[in-house]
């Protein structure tokens, strides 16, 4: 199982396998020893901007077994008689990509299962097992992971998603970093109004 560490960088980058971007990481995101488990290289991991991933986090890609079959053993490795036709694998066309949004915080020891999308602004508590999609700005904990609360009310979440502040010019973010590093939504609205020229 490959282990990836990635220090924050002002530009996005991709880790390639045979020229294909297997893991894409946005600007200023960082990873402290992320494990990647997969049976092949068809799946992809996409990570947004300003995302924080702690140590001992594991992303599983295309590792699902067939619970509906008599055996859960991988059929590719089953001892086939060459004259017996193989069944059609229902997972063959499912790439089971994992997508992590921007401004996400994933705590240590988290496991993320195949095909999961973690929305912008979400927090995944330490040692959580993420088995399904996480909505933006949700706080998820447990095994299996469940939403325990949302970081902000629905109107504020909609506003933050609409601004997508992590995509703003870095010069603007740098100038207003004290606002981004606070809980003052009204101050954020005021500073963004100067950017778009609406005045409010």
N, C-alpha and C. Protein backbone atom coordinates (compact mmCIF):
# COMPACT_ATOMS: atom_id res chain seq x y z
N UNK A 1 0.84 -1.18 0.00
CA UNK A 1 0.00 0.00 0.00
C UNK A 1 0.89 1.24 0.00
N UNK A 2 0.87 2.03 -1.09
CA UNK A 2 1.74 3.21 -1.14
C UNK A 2 1.34 4.25 -0.10
N UNK A 3 2.34 4.96 0.41
CA UNK A 3 2.13 6.03 1.39
C UNK A 3 2.54 7.34 0.75
N UNK A 4 1.65 8.34 0.83
CA UNK A 4 1.90 9.64 0.22
C UNK A 4 2.00 10.69 1.32
N UNK A 5 3.04 11.50 1.27
CA UNK A 5 3.13 12.71 2.08
C UNK A 5 3.28 13.88 1.12
N UNK A 6 2.64 14.98 1.42
CA UNK A 6 2.62 16.11 0.49
C UNK A 6 2.61 17.40 1.30
N UNK A 7 3.67 18.20 1.17
CA UNK A 7 3.70 19.48 1.87
C UNK A 7 2.90 20.52 1.10
N UNK A 8 2.40 21.51 1.83
CA UNK A 8 1.57 22.54 1.18
C UNK A 8 2.41 23.29 0.14
N UNK A 9 1.76 23.59 -0.98
CA UNK A 9 2.42 24.27 -2.08
C UNK A 9 1.46 25.30 -2.66
N UNK A 10 1.99 26.39 -3.19
CA UNK A 10 1.09 27.43 -3.73
C UNK A 10 0.38 27.02 -5.01
N UNK A 11 0.84 25.95 -5.64
CA UNK A 11 0.19 25.50 -6.87
C UNK A 11 -0.31 24.07 -6.69
N UNK A 12 -1.31 23.70 -7.46
CA UNK A 12 -1.79 22.33 -7.44
C UNK A 12 -0.81 21.42 -8.17
N UNK A 13 -0.89 20.14 -7.90
CA UNK A 13 -0.03 19.19 -8.60
C UNK A 13 -0.70 17.83 -8.64
N UNK A 14 -0.11 16.93 -9.40
CA UNK A 14 -0.65 15.58 -9.53
C UNK A 14 0.47 14.57 -9.39
N UNK A 15 0.14 13.43 -8.78
CA UNK A 15 1.03 12.29 -8.74
C UNK A 15 0.62 11.35 -9.86
N UNK A 16 1.58 11.00 -10.69
CA UNK A 16 1.27 10.26 -11.91
C UNK A 16 1.62 8.79 -11.79
N UNK A 17 0.88 7.98 -12.53
CA UNK A 17 1.19 6.56 -12.68
C UNK A 17 1.08 6.24 -14.16
N UNK A 18 2.22 5.98 -14.80
CA UNK A 18 2.20 5.75 -16.24
C UNK A 18 1.71 6.93 -17.02
N UNK A 19 1.96 8.15 -16.51
CA UNK A 19 1.52 9.37 -17.19
C UNK A 19 0.12 9.81 -16.84
N UNK A 20 -0.62 9.00 -16.07
CA UNK A 20 -1.99 9.35 -15.67
C UNK A 20 -1.99 9.97 -14.27
N UNK A 21 -2.78 11.04 -14.07
CA UNK A 21 -2.85 11.67 -12.74
C UNK A 21 -3.70 10.84 -11.78
N UNK A 22 -3.06 10.01 -10.98
CA UNK A 22 -3.78 9.14 -10.07
C UNK A 22 -4.27 9.92 -8.85
N UNK A 23 -3.45 10.84 -8.35
CA UNK A 23 -3.84 11.69 -7.23
C UNK A 23 -3.61 13.13 -7.64
N UNK A 24 -4.66 13.95 -7.57
CA UNK A 24 -4.56 15.37 -7.87
C UNK A 24 -4.80 16.15 -6.59
N UNK A 25 -3.90 17.07 -6.28
CA UNK A 25 -3.95 17.82 -5.02
C UNK A 25 -3.96 19.31 -5.33
N UNK A 26 -4.92 20.03 -4.74
CA UNK A 26 -5.05 21.45 -4.97
C UNK A 26 -4.02 22.28 -4.22
N UNK A 27 -4.06 23.59 -4.46
CA UNK A 27 -3.06 24.49 -3.89
C UNK A 27 -3.21 24.59 -2.37
N UNK A 28 -2.09 24.63 -1.70
CA UNK A 28 -1.96 24.78 -0.26
C UNK A 28 -2.51 23.62 0.56
N UNK A 29 -2.98 22.57 -0.08
CA UNK A 29 -3.41 21.38 0.67
C UNK A 29 -2.17 20.61 1.10
N UNK A 30 -2.29 19.91 2.22
CA UNK A 30 -1.16 19.10 2.67
C UNK A 30 -1.64 17.75 3.18
N UNK A 31 -0.73 16.77 3.12
CA UNK A 31 -1.02 15.40 3.53
C UNK A 31 0.13 14.91 4.39
N UNK A 32 -0.19 14.32 5.53
CA UNK A 32 0.83 13.73 6.40
C UNK A 32 0.64 12.21 6.40
N UNK A 33 1.33 11.52 5.52
CA UNK A 33 1.31 10.06 5.45
C UNK A 33 -0.08 9.48 5.21
N UNK A 34 -0.57 9.65 4.00
CA UNK A 34 -1.83 9.07 3.56
C UNK A 34 -1.57 7.74 2.88
N UNK A 35 -2.31 6.69 3.26
CA UNK A 35 -2.19 5.38 2.65
C UNK A 35 -3.23 5.24 1.55
N UNK A 36 -2.84 4.60 0.45
CA UNK A 36 -3.77 4.38 -0.65
C UNK A 36 -3.82 2.90 -0.95
N UNK A 37 -5.02 2.30 -0.82
CA UNK A 37 -5.21 0.89 -1.11
C UNK A 37 -6.08 0.70 -2.32
N UNK A 38 -5.59 -0.03 -3.33
CA UNK A 38 -6.36 -0.25 -4.54
C UNK A 38 -5.90 -1.53 -5.22
N UNK A 39 -6.78 -2.11 -6.04
CA UNK A 39 -6.39 -3.33 -6.76
C UNK A 39 -5.83 -3.01 -8.14
N UNK A 40 -6.00 -1.77 -8.61
CA UNK A 40 -5.44 -1.37 -9.90
C UNK A 40 -5.30 0.14 -9.92
N UNK A 41 -4.98 0.69 -11.07
CA UNK A 41 -4.77 2.14 -11.16
C UNK A 41 -5.89 2.85 -11.93
N UNK A 42 -7.05 2.23 -12.01
CA UNK A 42 -8.15 2.89 -12.72
C UNK A 42 -8.81 3.99 -11.90
N UNK A 43 -8.71 3.90 -10.59
CA UNK A 43 -9.37 4.88 -9.72
C UNK A 43 -8.51 6.12 -9.54
N UNK A 44 -9.16 7.20 -9.16
CA UNK A 44 -8.48 8.47 -8.97
C UNK A 44 -8.88 9.07 -7.63
N UNK A 45 -7.96 9.85 -7.06
CA UNK A 45 -8.24 10.65 -5.87
C UNK A 45 -8.07 12.11 -6.28
N UNK A 46 -9.08 12.92 -6.01
CA UNK A 46 -9.02 14.34 -6.30
C UNK A 46 -9.22 15.09 -5.00
N UNK A 47 -8.26 15.95 -4.64
CA UNK A 47 -8.29 16.71 -3.39
C UNK A 47 -8.27 18.19 -3.74
N UNK A 48 -9.15 18.95 -3.12
CA UNK A 48 -9.28 20.38 -3.42
C UNK A 48 -8.19 21.24 -2.79
N UNK A 49 -8.47 22.53 -2.68
CA UNK A 49 -7.52 23.51 -2.16
C UNK A 49 -7.67 23.68 -0.65
N UNK A 50 -6.57 24.06 0.01
CA UNK A 50 -6.57 24.39 1.44
C UNK A 50 -7.16 23.26 2.29
N UNK A 51 -6.88 22.02 1.92
CA UNK A 51 -7.37 20.86 2.66
C UNK A 51 -6.25 20.27 3.51
N UNK A 52 -6.61 19.83 4.72
CA UNK A 52 -5.65 19.31 5.69
C UNK A 52 -5.92 17.83 5.94
N UNK A 53 -4.94 16.98 5.67
CA UNK A 53 -5.09 15.54 5.87
C UNK A 53 -4.02 15.07 6.84
N UNK A 54 -4.44 14.53 7.98
CA UNK A 54 -3.52 14.11 9.04
C UNK A 54 -2.85 12.78 8.69
N UNK A 55 -2.07 12.27 9.64
CA UNK A 55 -1.33 11.03 9.40
C UNK A 55 -2.21 9.80 9.54
N UNK A 56 -1.76 8.73 8.91
CA UNK A 56 -2.41 7.42 9.02
C UNK A 56 -3.84 7.44 8.48
N UNK A 57 -4.09 8.27 7.47
CA UNK A 57 -5.38 8.28 6.77
C UNK A 57 -5.28 7.32 5.61
N UNK A 58 -6.32 6.51 5.40
CA UNK A 58 -6.31 5.51 4.33
C UNK A 58 -7.47 5.73 3.38
N UNK A 59 -7.16 5.84 2.09
CA UNK A 59 -8.16 5.92 1.04
C UNK A 59 -8.20 4.57 0.34
N UNK A 60 -9.36 3.94 0.30
CA UNK A 60 -9.53 2.67 -0.39
C UNK A 60 -10.17 2.92 -1.75
N UNK A 61 -9.55 2.36 -2.80
CA UNK A 61 -10.04 2.54 -4.15
C UNK A 61 -10.26 1.18 -4.79
N UNK A 62 -11.44 0.96 -5.34
CA UNK A 62 -11.75 -0.29 -6.05
C UNK A 62 -11.34 -1.53 -5.25
N UNK A 63 -11.73 -1.55 -4.00
CA UNK A 63 -11.40 -2.71 -3.16
C UNK A 63 -12.65 -3.48 -2.75
N UNK A 64 -13.80 -3.12 -3.30
CA UNK A 64 -15.04 -3.79 -2.91
C UNK A 64 -15.07 -5.24 -3.40
N UNK A 65 -15.60 -6.10 -2.54
CA UNK A 65 -15.78 -7.50 -2.91
C UNK A 65 -17.27 -7.74 -3.13
N UNK A 66 -17.61 -8.91 -3.69
CA UNK A 66 -19.00 -9.19 -4.06
C UNK A 66 -19.74 -9.87 -2.90
N UNK A 67 -20.45 -9.06 -2.13
CA UNK A 67 -21.19 -9.63 -0.99
C UNK A 67 -22.41 -10.42 -1.46
N UNK A 68 -22.84 -10.20 -2.71
CA UNK A 68 -24.01 -10.90 -3.24
C UNK A 68 -23.66 -12.28 -3.81
N UNK A 69 -22.38 -12.57 -3.97
CA UNK A 69 -21.94 -13.87 -4.47
C UNK A 69 -21.75 -14.86 -3.32
N UNK A 70 -21.65 -16.12 -3.63
CA UNK A 70 -21.39 -17.15 -2.61
C UNK A 70 -20.05 -16.89 -1.94
N UNK A 71 -19.04 -16.52 -2.73
CA UNK A 71 -17.74 -16.18 -2.17
C UNK A 71 -17.48 -14.70 -2.30
N UNK A 72 -16.77 -14.13 -1.33
CA UNK A 72 -16.34 -12.74 -1.44
C UNK A 72 -14.90 -12.65 -1.96
N UNK A 73 -14.31 -13.80 -2.27
CA UNK A 73 -12.93 -13.82 -2.74
C UNK A 73 -12.82 -13.11 -4.10
N UNK A 74 -11.72 -12.36 -4.36
CA UNK A 74 -11.59 -11.66 -5.65
C UNK A 74 -11.64 -12.64 -6.82
N UNK A 75 -12.56 -12.38 -7.73
CA UNK A 75 -12.75 -13.36 -8.80
C UNK A 75 -11.57 -13.39 -9.77
N UNK A 76 -10.82 -12.29 -9.86
CA UNK A 76 -9.63 -12.29 -10.71
C UNK A 76 -8.59 -13.29 -10.22
N UNK A 77 -8.60 -13.58 -8.92
CA UNK A 77 -7.59 -14.47 -8.33
C UNK A 77 -8.14 -15.87 -8.07
N UNK A 78 -9.40 -16.08 -8.40
CA UNK A 78 -10.00 -17.38 -8.15
C UNK A 78 -9.35 -18.43 -9.06
N UNK A 79 -9.19 -19.69 -8.59
CA UNK A 79 -8.54 -20.73 -9.42
C UNK A 79 -9.48 -21.25 -10.50
N UNK A 80 -9.49 -20.57 -11.65
CA UNK A 80 -10.42 -20.91 -12.72
C UNK A 80 -9.92 -22.07 -13.58
N UNK A 81 -10.85 -22.92 -13.92
CA UNK A 81 -10.60 -23.89 -15.00
C UNK A 81 -10.62 -23.08 -16.30
N UNK A 82 -9.59 -23.18 -17.13
CA UNK A 82 -9.57 -22.36 -18.34
C UNK A 82 -10.75 -22.59 -19.27
N UNK A 83 -11.47 -23.70 -19.12
CA UNK A 83 -12.62 -23.95 -19.98
C UNK A 83 -13.93 -23.41 -19.41
N UNK A 84 -13.86 -22.90 -18.18
CA UNK A 84 -15.07 -22.34 -17.55
C UNK A 84 -15.09 -20.83 -17.79
N UNK A 85 -16.16 -20.33 -18.43
CA UNK A 85 -16.21 -18.88 -18.71
C UNK A 85 -16.32 -18.07 -17.41
N UNK A 86 -15.65 -16.95 -17.40
CA UNK A 86 -15.70 -16.06 -16.23
C UNK A 86 -16.98 -15.23 -16.26
N UNK A 87 -17.52 -14.90 -15.09
CA UNK A 87 -18.72 -14.05 -15.06
C UNK A 87 -18.35 -12.60 -15.38
N UNK A 88 -19.35 -11.83 -15.74
CA UNK A 88 -19.14 -10.40 -15.92
C UNK A 88 -19.01 -9.77 -14.55
N UNK A 89 -17.96 -8.99 -14.37
CA UNK A 89 -17.74 -8.33 -13.08
C UNK A 89 -18.57 -7.05 -13.03
N UNK A 90 -19.58 -6.97 -12.13
CA UNK A 90 -20.40 -5.75 -12.08
C UNK A 90 -19.64 -4.52 -11.65
N UNK A 91 -18.45 -4.70 -11.05
CA UNK A 91 -17.66 -3.55 -10.64
C UNK A 91 -16.68 -3.08 -11.71
N UNK A 92 -16.64 -3.79 -12.84
CA UNK A 92 -15.58 -3.54 -13.83
C UNK A 92 -15.57 -2.10 -14.34
N UNK A 93 -16.74 -1.52 -14.52
CA UNK A 93 -16.80 -0.16 -15.05
C UNK A 93 -16.97 0.90 -13.97
N UNK A 94 -16.91 0.49 -12.71
CA UNK A 94 -17.04 1.43 -11.60
C UNK A 94 -15.66 1.80 -11.10
N UNK A 95 -15.23 3.01 -11.38
CA UNK A 95 -13.86 3.40 -11.03
C UNK A 95 -13.71 3.69 -9.54
N UNK A 96 -14.81 3.95 -8.85
CA UNK A 96 -14.75 4.18 -7.40
C UNK A 96 -13.79 5.29 -7.02
N UNK A 97 -13.83 6.39 -7.77
CA UNK A 97 -12.99 7.54 -7.44
C UNK A 97 -13.36 8.10 -6.07
N UNK A 98 -12.39 8.69 -5.40
CA UNK A 98 -12.62 9.41 -4.14
C UNK A 98 -12.36 10.88 -4.39
N UNK A 99 -13.32 11.72 -3.98
CA UNK A 99 -13.19 13.16 -4.16
C UNK A 99 -13.27 13.84 -2.80
N UNK A 100 -12.28 14.68 -2.51
CA UNK A 100 -12.25 15.46 -1.28
C UNK A 100 -12.29 16.93 -1.67
N UNK A 101 -13.23 17.67 -1.13
CA UNK A 101 -13.41 19.06 -1.50
C UNK A 101 -12.31 19.96 -0.96
N UNK A 102 -12.56 21.27 -1.02
CA UNK A 102 -11.63 22.27 -0.51
C UNK A 102 -11.95 22.61 0.93
N UNK A 103 -10.92 23.06 1.66
CA UNK A 103 -11.06 23.47 3.06
C UNK A 103 -11.62 22.33 3.92
N UNK A 104 -11.22 21.11 3.61
CA UNK A 104 -11.64 19.93 4.38
C UNK A 104 -10.55 19.59 5.38
N UNK A 105 -10.94 19.15 6.56
CA UNK A 105 -9.99 18.69 7.58
C UNK A 105 -10.30 17.23 7.87
N UNK A 106 -9.33 16.36 7.59
CA UNK A 106 -9.47 14.92 7.85
C UNK A 106 -8.49 14.55 8.96
N UNK A 107 -9.03 14.07 10.09
CA UNK A 107 -8.21 13.74 11.25
C UNK A 107 -7.44 12.45 11.09
N UNK A 108 -6.57 12.17 12.05
CA UNK A 108 -5.69 11.00 11.97
C UNK A 108 -6.48 9.70 12.02
N UNK A 109 -5.97 8.71 11.30
CA UNK A 109 -6.54 7.37 11.35
C UNK A 109 -7.86 7.19 10.63
N UNK A 110 -8.28 8.16 9.83
CA UNK A 110 -9.55 8.06 9.10
C UNK A 110 -9.40 7.07 7.94
N UNK A 111 -10.46 6.32 7.68
CA UNK A 111 -10.54 5.44 6.51
C UNK A 111 -11.66 5.93 5.61
N UNK A 112 -11.36 6.10 4.32
CA UNK A 112 -12.34 6.57 3.34
C UNK A 112 -12.56 5.46 2.34
N UNK A 113 -13.81 5.00 2.21
CA UNK A 113 -14.11 3.87 1.35
C UNK A 113 -14.29 4.28 -0.11
N UNK A 114 -14.26 3.31 -1.02
CA UNK A 114 -14.33 3.63 -2.46
C UNK A 114 -15.58 4.41 -2.84
N UNK A 115 -15.41 5.35 -3.78
CA UNK A 115 -16.53 6.07 -4.36
C UNK A 115 -17.07 7.21 -3.53
N UNK A 116 -16.44 7.53 -2.40
CA UNK A 116 -16.96 8.56 -1.49
C UNK A 116 -16.57 9.96 -1.98
N UNK A 117 -17.49 10.91 -1.80
CA UNK A 117 -17.21 12.33 -2.00
C UNK A 117 -17.37 13.05 -0.68
N UNK A 118 -16.34 13.79 -0.28
CA UNK A 118 -16.38 14.60 0.94
C UNK A 118 -16.50 16.05 0.52
N UNK A 119 -17.58 16.70 0.92
CA UNK A 119 -17.88 18.05 0.46
C UNK A 119 -16.97 19.11 1.05
N UNK A 120 -16.96 20.28 0.39
CA UNK A 120 -16.17 21.41 0.84
C UNK A 120 -16.46 21.74 2.30
N UNK A 121 -15.41 22.12 3.03
CA UNK A 121 -15.58 22.60 4.40
C UNK A 121 -15.90 21.56 5.43
N UNK A 122 -15.93 20.28 5.05
CA UNK A 122 -16.28 19.22 6.00
C UNK A 122 -15.13 18.93 6.96
N UNK A 123 -15.47 18.36 8.10
CA UNK A 123 -14.49 17.88 9.08
C UNK A 123 -14.78 16.41 9.33
N UNK A 124 -13.74 15.57 9.21
CA UNK A 124 -13.86 14.15 9.51
C UNK A 124 -13.04 13.88 10.77
N UNK A 125 -13.72 13.49 11.85
CA UNK A 125 -13.05 13.29 13.13
C UNK A 125 -12.09 12.11 13.07
N UNK A 126 -11.12 12.12 13.97
CA UNK A 126 -10.10 11.08 14.02
C UNK A 126 -10.72 9.69 14.10
N UNK A 127 -10.13 8.74 13.38
CA UNK A 127 -10.49 7.32 13.40
C UNK A 127 -11.87 7.02 12.84
N UNK A 128 -12.47 7.97 12.13
CA UNK A 128 -13.77 7.74 11.51
C UNK A 128 -13.62 6.84 10.28
N UNK A 129 -14.64 6.03 10.01
CA UNK A 129 -14.71 5.24 8.78
C UNK A 129 -15.79 5.87 7.91
N UNK A 130 -15.39 6.48 6.82
CA UNK A 130 -16.32 7.21 5.95
C UNK A 130 -16.83 6.24 4.89
N UNK A 131 -18.10 5.85 5.01
CA UNK A 131 -18.68 4.85 4.12
C UNK A 131 -19.59 5.44 3.06
N UNK A 132 -19.95 6.72 3.21
CA UNK A 132 -20.86 7.35 2.24
C UNK A 132 -20.50 8.82 2.11
N UNK A 133 -21.11 9.47 1.13
CA UNK A 133 -20.81 10.88 0.86
C UNK A 133 -21.06 11.75 2.09
N UNK A 134 -20.24 12.80 2.21
CA UNK A 134 -20.34 13.76 3.31
C UNK A 134 -20.74 15.10 2.72
N UNK A 135 -21.80 15.70 3.24
CA UNK A 135 -22.24 16.97 2.67
C UNK A 135 -21.33 18.10 3.13
N UNK A 136 -21.30 19.20 2.36
CA UNK A 136 -20.41 20.31 2.70
C UNK A 136 -20.62 20.83 4.12
N UNK A 137 -19.53 21.14 4.78
CA UNK A 137 -19.49 21.74 6.12
C UNK A 137 -20.10 20.85 7.19
N UNK A 138 -20.22 19.55 6.91
CA UNK A 138 -20.67 18.61 7.94
C UNK A 138 -19.48 18.18 8.79
N UNK A 139 -19.77 17.84 10.06
CA UNK A 139 -18.78 17.22 10.94
C UNK A 139 -19.21 15.77 11.11
N UNK A 140 -18.34 14.84 10.71
CA UNK A 140 -18.66 13.41 10.69
C UNK A 140 -17.73 12.67 11.63
N UNK A 141 -18.28 11.73 12.40
CA UNK A 141 -17.47 10.95 13.34
C UNK A 141 -18.05 9.55 13.47
N UNK A 142 -17.19 8.60 13.88
CA UNK A 142 -17.67 7.26 14.23
C UNK A 142 -17.38 6.20 13.18
N UNK A 143 -17.82 4.98 13.49
CA UNK A 143 -17.67 3.83 12.60
C UNK A 143 -18.98 3.04 12.61
N UNK A 144 -19.78 3.16 11.54
CA UNK A 144 -19.53 3.98 10.35
C UNK A 144 -19.73 5.47 10.65
N UNK A 145 -19.10 6.31 9.84
CA UNK A 145 -19.19 7.75 10.06
C UNK A 145 -20.60 8.27 9.93
N UNK A 146 -20.99 9.12 10.88
CA UNK A 146 -22.31 9.76 10.85
C UNK A 146 -22.14 11.25 11.10
N UNK A 147 -23.00 12.04 10.47
CA UNK A 147 -22.96 13.48 10.70
C UNK A 147 -23.42 13.78 12.12
N UNK A 148 -22.57 14.49 12.87
CA UNK A 148 -22.93 14.85 14.25
C UNK A 148 -23.40 16.29 14.35
N UNK A 149 -22.98 17.12 13.41
CA UNK A 149 -23.47 18.50 13.35
C UNK A 149 -22.98 19.12 12.05
N UNK A 150 -23.39 20.36 11.84
CA UNK A 150 -22.90 21.13 10.71
C UNK A 150 -22.18 22.35 11.25
N UNK A 151 -21.12 22.75 10.59
CA UNK A 151 -20.30 23.83 11.12
C UNK A 151 -21.05 25.16 11.17
N UNK A 152 -21.94 25.39 10.22
CA UNK A 152 -22.69 26.65 10.14
C UNK A 152 -24.13 26.33 9.76
N UNK A 153 -25.00 27.33 9.91
CA UNK A 153 -26.39 27.15 9.48
C UNK A 153 -26.44 27.06 7.96
N UNK A 154 -27.58 26.60 7.44
CA UNK A 154 -27.71 26.34 6.01
C UNK A 154 -27.44 27.58 5.16
N UNK A 155 -27.92 28.73 5.60
CA UNK A 155 -27.74 29.96 4.81
C UNK A 155 -26.26 30.32 4.72
N UNK A 156 -25.55 30.18 5.83
CA UNK A 156 -24.12 30.49 5.82
C UNK A 156 -23.35 29.50 4.95
N UNK A 157 -23.73 28.23 5.03
CA UNK A 157 -23.08 27.22 4.19
C UNK A 157 -23.28 27.55 2.72
N UNK A 158 -24.51 27.91 2.34
CA UNK A 158 -24.78 28.26 0.95
C UNK A 158 -23.94 29.45 0.51
N UNK A 159 -23.80 30.43 1.41
CA UNK A 159 -22.99 31.61 1.10
C UNK A 159 -21.53 31.23 0.90
N UNK A 160 -20.98 30.43 1.82
CA UNK A 160 -19.57 30.04 1.73
C UNK A 160 -19.31 29.22 0.47
N UNK A 161 -20.24 28.33 0.13
CA UNK A 161 -20.07 27.54 -1.09
C UNK A 161 -20.13 28.43 -2.33
N UNK A 162 -21.00 29.43 -2.30
CA UNK A 162 -21.11 30.35 -3.44
C UNK A 162 -19.84 31.19 -3.61
N UNK A 163 -19.22 31.57 -2.49
CA UNK A 163 -18.00 32.38 -2.59
C UNK A 163 -16.82 31.55 -3.04
N UNK A 164 -16.80 30.26 -2.67
CA UNK A 164 -15.65 29.39 -2.98
C UNK A 164 -14.35 30.15 -2.72
N UNK A 165 -14.20 30.65 -1.50
CA UNK A 165 -13.07 31.54 -1.18
C UNK A 165 -11.72 30.94 -1.53
N UNK A 166 -11.63 29.61 -1.49
CA UNK A 166 -10.35 28.93 -1.76
C UNK A 166 -9.89 29.08 -3.20
N UNK A 167 -10.78 29.56 -4.07
CA UNK A 167 -10.42 29.80 -5.47
C UNK A 167 -10.06 31.26 -5.74
N UNK A 168 -10.19 32.12 -4.74
CA UNK A 168 -9.89 33.54 -4.92
C UNK A 168 -8.40 33.73 -5.16
N UNK A 169 -8.01 34.86 -5.74
CA UNK A 169 -6.58 35.13 -5.94
C UNK A 169 -5.84 35.10 -4.61
N UNK A 170 -4.68 34.48 -4.61
CA UNK A 170 -3.94 34.32 -3.36
C UNK A 170 -3.56 35.67 -2.76
N UNK A 171 -3.38 36.68 -3.61
CA UNK A 171 -3.06 38.02 -3.09
C UNK A 171 -4.21 38.56 -2.25
N UNK A 172 -5.44 38.29 -2.67
CA UNK A 172 -6.61 38.73 -1.90
C UNK A 172 -6.73 37.96 -0.59
N UNK A 173 -6.51 36.66 -0.66
CA UNK A 173 -6.57 35.84 0.56
C UNK A 173 -5.51 36.29 1.55
N UNK A 174 -4.29 36.54 1.07
CA UNK A 174 -3.20 36.97 1.94
C UNK A 174 -3.53 38.29 2.62
N UNK A 175 -4.07 39.22 1.86
CA UNK A 175 -4.39 40.55 2.41
C UNK A 175 -5.48 40.46 3.49
N UNK A 176 -6.39 39.48 3.34
CA UNK A 176 -7.53 39.36 4.26
C UNK A 176 -7.46 38.11 5.14
N UNK A 177 -6.24 37.62 5.37
CA UNK A 177 -6.10 36.35 6.10
C UNK A 177 -6.68 36.43 7.51
N UNK A 178 -6.65 37.60 8.14
CA UNK A 178 -7.20 37.72 9.50
C UNK A 178 -8.70 37.45 9.51
N UNK A 179 -9.39 37.77 8.42
CA UNK A 179 -10.82 37.51 8.33
C UNK A 179 -11.07 36.02 8.08
N UNK A 180 -10.29 35.43 7.17
CA UNK A 180 -10.45 34.00 6.90
C UNK A 180 -10.13 33.16 8.14
N UNK A 181 -9.25 33.67 8.98
CA UNK A 181 -8.89 32.96 10.22
C UNK A 181 -9.71 33.48 11.39
N UNK A 182 -10.98 33.73 11.16
CA UNK A 182 -11.92 34.15 12.21
C UNK A 182 -13.28 33.56 11.89
N UNK A 183 -14.23 33.76 12.78
CA UNK A 183 -15.59 33.30 12.53
C UNK A 183 -16.51 34.42 12.09
N UNK A 184 -15.95 35.54 11.66
CA UNK A 184 -16.73 36.74 11.36
C UNK A 184 -17.22 36.71 9.91
N UNK A 185 -18.41 36.16 9.73
CA UNK A 185 -18.99 36.04 8.38
C UNK A 185 -19.32 37.41 7.80
N UNK A 186 -19.76 38.33 8.65
CA UNK A 186 -20.09 39.67 8.15
C UNK A 186 -18.85 40.38 7.63
N UNK A 187 -17.72 40.21 8.32
CA UNK A 187 -16.48 40.80 7.83
C UNK A 187 -16.07 40.18 6.50
N UNK A 188 -16.31 38.87 6.36
CA UNK A 188 -16.02 38.20 5.09
C UNK A 188 -16.88 38.79 3.97
N UNK A 189 -18.17 38.97 4.26
CA UNK A 189 -19.05 39.55 3.25
C UNK A 189 -18.58 40.94 2.84
N UNK A 190 -18.15 41.73 3.83
CA UNK A 190 -17.69 43.09 3.53
C UNK A 190 -16.43 43.08 2.67
N UNK A 191 -15.49 42.22 2.99
CA UNK A 191 -14.25 42.21 2.21
C UNK A 191 -14.49 41.64 0.81
N UNK A 192 -15.38 40.67 0.67
CA UNK A 192 -15.68 40.13 -0.65
C UNK A 192 -16.42 41.15 -1.50
N UNK A 193 -17.20 42.03 -0.84
CA UNK A 193 -17.90 43.09 -1.58
C UNK A 193 -16.90 44.05 -2.23
N UNK A 194 -15.76 44.27 -1.59
CA UNK A 194 -14.74 45.14 -2.19
C UNK A 194 -14.11 44.46 -3.40
N UNK A 195 -14.07 43.14 -3.38
CA UNK A 195 -13.47 42.41 -4.50
C UNK A 195 -14.36 42.47 -5.72
N UNK A 196 -15.69 42.28 -5.52
CA UNK A 196 -16.59 42.26 -6.68
C UNK A 196 -17.19 43.62 -7.00
N UNK A 197 -16.90 44.61 -6.15
CA UNK A 197 -17.33 45.97 -6.45
C UNK A 197 -18.80 46.24 -6.19
N UNK A 198 -19.49 45.31 -5.48
CA UNK A 198 -20.91 45.52 -5.23
C UNK A 198 -21.15 46.44 -4.05
N UNK A 199 -20.18 46.53 -3.15
CA UNK A 199 -20.36 47.37 -1.98
C UNK A 199 -21.24 46.75 -0.93
N UNK A 200 -21.65 45.48 -1.09
CA UNK A 200 -22.46 44.84 -0.07
C UNK A 200 -23.15 43.62 -0.58
